[in-house]
Amino acid sequence: MTHHKQHLESKLCPICLRPFNWRKKWQRDWPNVKYCSKRCQSNAKNLNKFETQK
């Protein structure tokens, strides 16, 4: 029996605008996951800092 990852939930990353799928490590916190990676998360923080300095 093979496992297919066709039915996983997905979201759209607000920084890079790419879709990303549910991962087991996000199992408990999936409703709060916003970014596809730590890189996008840090870019969001940097973007917020830049916007507040204007």
PDB file of N, CA and C in Angstrom:
ATOM      1  N   MET A   1       0.838  -1.176   0.000  1.00  0.00           N
ATOM      2  CA  MET A   1       0.000   0.000   0.000  1.00  0.00           C
ATOM      3  C   MET A   1       0.889   1.249   0.000  1.00  0.00           C
ATOM      4  N   THR A   2       0.647   2.120  -0.928  1.00  0.00           N
ATOM      5  CA  THR A   2       1.432   3.350  -1.005  1.00  0.00           C
ATOM      6  C   THR A   2       0.654   4.514  -0.414  1.00  0.00           C
ATOM      7  N   HIS A   3       1.391   5.462   0.124  1.00  0.00           N
ATOM      8  CA  HIS A   3       0.771   6.654   0.687  1.00  0.00           C
ATOM      9  C   HIS A   3       0.860   7.787  -0.332  1.00  0.00           C
ATOM     10  N   HIS A   4      -0.252   8.433  -0.539  1.00  0.00           N
ATOM     11  CA  HIS A   4      -0.284   9.564  -1.454  1.00  0.00           C
ATOM     12  C   HIS A   4      -0.590  10.826  -0.682  1.00  0.00           C
ATOM     13  N   LYS A   5       0.116  11.873  -0.972  1.00  0.00           N
ATOM     14  CA  LYS A   5      -0.066  13.136  -0.265  1.00  0.00           C
ATOM     15  C   LYS A   5      -0.960  14.086  -1.056  1.00  0.00           C
ATOM     16  N   GLN A   6      -2.016  13.562  -1.632  1.00  0.00           N
ATOM     17  CA  GLN A   6      -2.884  14.377  -2.462  1.00  0.00           C
ATOM     18  C   GLN A   6      -3.924  15.140  -1.650  1.00  0.00           C
ATOM     19  N   HIS A   7      -4.258  14.671  -0.481  1.00  0.00           N
ATOM     20  CA  HIS A   7      -5.376  15.238   0.260  1.00  0.00           C
ATOM     21  C   HIS A   7      -4.939  16.072   1.463  1.00  0.00           C
ATOM     22  N   LEU A   8      -3.761  16.642   1.411  1.00  0.00           N
ATOM     23  CA  LEU A   8      -3.291  17.472   2.502  1.00  0.00           C
ATOM     24  C   LEU A   8      -3.828  18.891   2.342  1.00  0.00           C
ATOM     25  N   GLU A   9      -4.108  19.531   3.476  1.00  0.00           N
ATOM     26  CA  GLU A   9      -4.552  20.920   3.426  1.00  0.00           C
ATOM     27  C   GLU A   9      -3.411  21.799   2.941  1.00  0.00           C
ATOM     28  N   SER A  10      -3.750  22.906   2.340  1.00  0.00           N
ATOM     29  CA  SER A  10      -2.706  23.828   1.912  1.00  0.00           C
ATOM     30  C   SER A  10      -3.130  25.259   2.223  1.00  0.00           C
ATOM     31  N   LYS A  11      -2.131  26.128   2.289  1.00  0.00           N
ATOM     32  CA  LYS A  11      -2.333  27.554   2.524  1.00  0.00           C
ATOM     33  C   LYS A  11      -1.439  28.318   1.568  1.00  0.00           C
ATOM     34  N   LEU A  12      -1.674  29.617   1.482  1.00  0.00           N
ATOM     35  CA  LEU A  12      -0.869  30.472   0.633  1.00  0.00           C
ATOM     36  C   LEU A  12      -0.014  31.370   1.520  1.00  0.00           C
ATOM     37  N   CYS A  13       1.272  31.371   1.296  1.00  0.00           N
ATOM     38  CA  CYS A  13       2.193  32.194   2.069  1.00  0.00           C
ATOM     39  C   CYS A  13       2.000  33.656   1.665  1.00  0.00           C
ATOM     40  N   PRO A  14       1.762  34.563   2.626  1.00  0.00           N
ATOM     41  CA  PRO A  14       1.526  35.969   2.283  1.00  0.00           C
ATOM     42  C   PRO A  14       2.781  36.712   1.817  1.00  0.00           C
ATOM     43  N   ILE A  15       3.955  36.155   2.033  1.00  0.00           N
ATOM     44  CA  ILE A  15       5.198  36.814   1.642  1.00  0.00           C
ATOM     45  C   ILE A  15       5.620  36.420   0.231  1.00  0.00           C
ATOM     46  N   CYS A  16       5.758  35.122  -0.012  1.00  0.00           N
ATOM     47  CA  CYS A  16       6.223  34.669  -1.336  1.00  0.00           C
ATOM     48  C   CYS A  16       5.075  34.274  -2.270  1.00  0.00           C
ATOM     49  N   LEU A  17       3.860  34.229  -1.729  1.00  0.00           N
ATOM     50  CA  LEU A  17       2.648  33.896  -2.498  1.00  0.00           C
ATOM     51  C   LEU A  17       2.667  32.497  -3.108  1.00  0.00           C
ATOM     52  N   ARG A  18       3.421  31.607  -2.489  1.00  0.00           N
ATOM     53  CA  ARG A  18       3.457  30.215  -2.935  1.00  0.00           C
ATOM     54  C   ARG A  18       2.590  29.374  -2.020  1.00  0.00           C
ATOM     55  N   PRO A  19       1.948  28.352  -2.567  1.00  0.00           N
ATOM     56  CA  PRO A  19       1.178  27.449  -1.708  1.00  0.00           C
ATOM     57  C   PRO A  19       2.102  26.525  -0.924  1.00  0.00           C
ATOM     58  N   PHE A  20       1.696  26.200   0.289  1.00  0.00           N
ATOM     59  CA  PHE A  20       2.442  25.221   1.067  1.00  0.00           C
ATOM     60  C   PHE A  20       1.461  24.288   1.749  1.00  0.00           C
ATOM     61  N   ASN A  21       1.881  23.042   1.909  1.00  0.00           N
ATOM     62  CA  ASN A  21       1.007  21.994   2.423  1.00  0.00           C
ATOM     63  C   ASN A  21       1.221  21.737   3.903  1.00  0.00           C
ATOM     64  N   TRP A  22       0.201  21.139   4.491  1.00  0.00           N
ATOM     65  CA  TRP A  22       0.246  20.724   5.884  1.00  0.00           C
ATOM     66  C   TRP A  22       1.410  19.780   6.088  1.00  0.00           C
ATOM     67  N   ARG A  23       2.102  19.950   7.221  1.00  0.00           N
ATOM     68  CA  ARG A  23       3.199  19.052   7.583  1.00  0.00           C
ATOM     69  C   ARG A  23       2.968  18.538   8.982  1.00  0.00           C
ATOM     70  N   LYS A  24       3.448  17.346   9.251  1.00  0.00           N
ATOM     71  CA  LYS A  24       3.219  16.723  10.552  1.00  0.00           C
ATOM     72  C   LYS A  24       3.743  17.585  11.701  1.00  0.00           C
ATOM     73  N   LYS A  25       4.862  18.281  11.497  1.00  0.00           N
ATOM     74  CA  LYS A  25       5.413  19.097  12.574  1.00  0.00           C
ATOM     75  C   LYS A  25       4.516  20.293  12.902  1.00  0.00           C
ATOM     76  N   TRP A  26       3.603  20.650  11.994  1.00  0.00           N
ATOM     77  CA  TRP A  26       2.662  21.737  12.243  1.00  0.00           C
ATOM     78  C   TRP A  26       1.318  21.211  12.732  1.00  0.00           C
ATOM     79  N   GLN A  27       1.223  19.953  13.055  1.00  0.00           N
ATOM     80  CA  GLN A  27      -0.035  19.293  13.370  1.00  0.00           C
ATOM     81  C   GLN A  27      -0.827  20.018  14.459  1.00  0.00           C
ATOM     82  N   ARG A  28      -0.191  20.364  15.554  1.00  0.00           N
ATOM     83  CA  ARG A  28      -0.893  20.994  16.678  1.00  0.00           C
ATOM     84  C   ARG A  28      -1.197  22.463  16.435  1.00  0.00           C
ATOM     85  N   ASP A  29      -0.417  23.093  15.570  1.00  0.00           N
ATOM     86  CA  ASP A  29      -0.494  24.542  15.427  1.00  0.00           C
ATOM     87  C   ASP A  29      -0.923  24.996  14.026  1.00  0.00           C
ATOM     88  N   TRP A  30      -1.492  24.115  13.221  1.00  0.00           N
ATOM     89  CA  TRP A  30      -1.815  24.439  11.834  1.00  0.00           C
ATOM     90  C   TRP A  30      -2.673  25.700  11.670  1.00  0.00           C
ATOM     91  N   PRO A  31      -3.663  25.958  12.514  1.00  0.00           N
ATOM     92  CA  PRO A  31      -4.452  27.184  12.335  1.00  0.00           C
ATOM     93  C   PRO A  31      -3.619  28.468  12.491  1.00  0.00           C
ATOM     94  N   ASN A  32      -2.517  28.395  13.228  1.00  0.00           N
ATOM     95  CA  ASN A  32      -1.684  29.578  13.457  1.00  0.00           C
ATOM     96  C   ASN A  32      -0.505  29.691  12.504  1.00  0.00           C
ATOM     97  N   VAL A  33      -0.274  28.692  11.670  1.00  0.00           N
ATOM     98  CA  VAL A  33       0.842  28.733  10.725  1.00  0.00           C
ATOM     99  C   VAL A  33       0.492  29.706   9.598  1.00  0.00           C
ATOM    100  N   LYS A  34       1.359  30.703   9.385  1.00  0.00           N
ATOM    101  CA  LYS A  34       1.104  31.720   8.363  1.00  0.00           C
ATOM    102  C   LYS A  34       2.107  31.670   7.225  1.00  0.00           C
ATOM    103  N   TYR A  35       3.343  31.280   7.527  1.00  0.00           N
ATOM    104  CA  TYR A  35       4.417  31.371   6.554  1.00  0.00           C
ATOM    105  C   TYR A  35       4.930  29.987   6.184  1.00  0.00           C
ATOM    106  N   CYS A  36       5.428  29.855   4.962  1.00  0.00           N
ATOM    107  CA  CYS A  36       5.883  28.552   4.470  1.00  0.00           C
ATOM    108  C   CYS A  36       7.253  28.174   5.021  1.00  0.00           C
ATOM    109  N   SER A  37       8.028  29.158   5.475  1.00  0.00           N
ATOM    110  CA  SER A  37       9.382  28.866   5.922  1.00  0.00           C
ATOM    111  C   SER A  37       9.851  29.915   6.925  1.00  0.00           C
ATOM    112  N   LYS A  38      10.950  29.621   7.570  1.00  0.00           N
ATOM    113  CA  LYS A  38      11.548  30.597   8.495  1.00  0.00           C
ATOM    114  C   LYS A  38      12.041  31.821   7.727  1.00  0.00           C
ATOM    115  N   ARG A  39      12.466  31.620   6.515  1.00  0.00           N
ATOM    116  CA  ARG A  39      12.921  32.738   5.689  1.00  0.00           C
ATOM    117  C   ARG A  39      11.781  33.732   5.444  1.00  0.00           C
ATOM    118  N   CYS A  40      10.615  33.236   5.091  1.00  0.00           N
ATOM    119  CA  CYS A  40       9.467  34.122   4.875  1.00  0.00           C
ATOM    120  C   CYS A  40       9.024  34.765   6.184  1.00  0.00           C
ATOM    121  N   GLN A  41       9.113  34.032   7.266  1.00  0.00           N
ATOM    122  CA  GLN A  41       8.750  34.584   8.564  1.00  0.00           C
ATOM    123  C   GLN A  41       9.672  35.746   8.935  1.00  0.00           C
ATOM    124  N   SER A  42      10.965  35.586   8.709  1.00  0.00           N
ATOM    125  CA  SER A  42      11.899  36.663   9.031  1.00  0.00           C
ATOM    126  C   SER A  42      11.733  37.839   8.061  1.00  0.00           C
ATOM    127  N   ASN A  43      11.412  37.552   6.802  1.00  0.00           N
ATOM    128  CA  ASN A  43      11.154  38.632   5.850  1.00  0.00           C
ATOM    129  C   ASN A  43       9.921  39.432   6.257  1.00  0.00           C
ATOM    130  N   ALA A  44       8.934  38.780   6.813  1.00  0.00           N
ATOM    131  CA  ALA A  44       7.732  39.472   7.277  1.00  0.00           C
ATOM    132  C   ALA A  44       8.072  40.386   8.445  1.00  0.00           C
ATOM    133  N   LYS A  45       8.912  39.922   9.352  1.00  0.00           N
ATOM    134  CA  LYS A  45       9.321  40.749  10.484  1.00  0.00           C
ATOM    135  C   LYS A  45      10.115  41.957   9.998  1.00  0.00           C
ATOM    136  N   ASN A  46      11.017  41.739   9.045  1.00  0.00           N
ATOM    137  CA  ASN A  46      11.805  42.840   8.493  1.00  0.00           C
ATOM    138  C   ASN A  46      10.912  43.830   7.750  1.00  0.00           C
ATOM    139  N   LEU A  47       9.918  43.324   7.061  1.00  0.00           N
ATOM    140  CA  LEU A  47       8.980  44.184   6.336  1.00  0.00           C
ATOM    141  C   LEU A  47       8.190  45.046   7.318  1.00  0.00           C
ATOM    142  N   ASN A  48       7.772  44.455   8.436  1.00  0.00           N
ATOM    143  CA  ASN A  48       7.033  45.206   9.450  1.00  0.00           C
ATOM    144  C   ASN A  48       7.912  46.291  10.071  1.00  0.00           C
ATOM    145  N   LYS A  49       9.177  45.998  10.314  1.00  0.00           N
ATOM    146  CA  LYS A  49      10.097  46.996  10.856  1.00  0.00           C
ATOM    147  C   LYS A  49      10.255  48.154   9.891  1.00  0.00           C
ATOM    148  N   PHE A  50      10.381  47.845   8.614  1.00  0.00           N
ATOM    149  CA  PHE A  50      10.540  48.871   7.590  1.00  0.00           C
ATOM    150  C   PHE A  50       9.310  49.761   7.506  1.00  0.00           C
ATOM    151  N   GLU A  51       8.123  49.169   7.569  1.00  0.00           N
ATOM    152  CA  GLU A  51       6.886  49.932   7.473  1.00  0.00           C
ATOM    153  C   GLU A  51       6.663  50.829   8.678  1.00  0.00           C
ATOM    154  N   THR A  52       7.079  50.399   9.865  1.00  0.00           N
ATOM    155  CA  THR A  52       6.878  51.206  11.066  1.00  0.00           C
ATOM    156  C   THR A  52       7.875  52.362  11.137  1.00  0.00           C
ATOM    157  N   GLN A  53       8.989  52.287  10.395  1.00  0.00           N
ATOM    158  CA  GLN A  53       9.982  53.358  10.403  1.00  0.00           C
ATOM    159  C   GLN A  53       9.595  54.513   9.498  1.00  0.00           C
ATOM    160  N   LYS A  54       8.660  54.315   8.606  1.00  0.00           N
ATOM    161  CA  LYS A  54       8.241  55.377   7.669  1.00  0.00           C
ATOM    162  C   LYS A  54       7.534  56.494   8.383  1.00  0.00           C
TER     163      LYS A  54
END
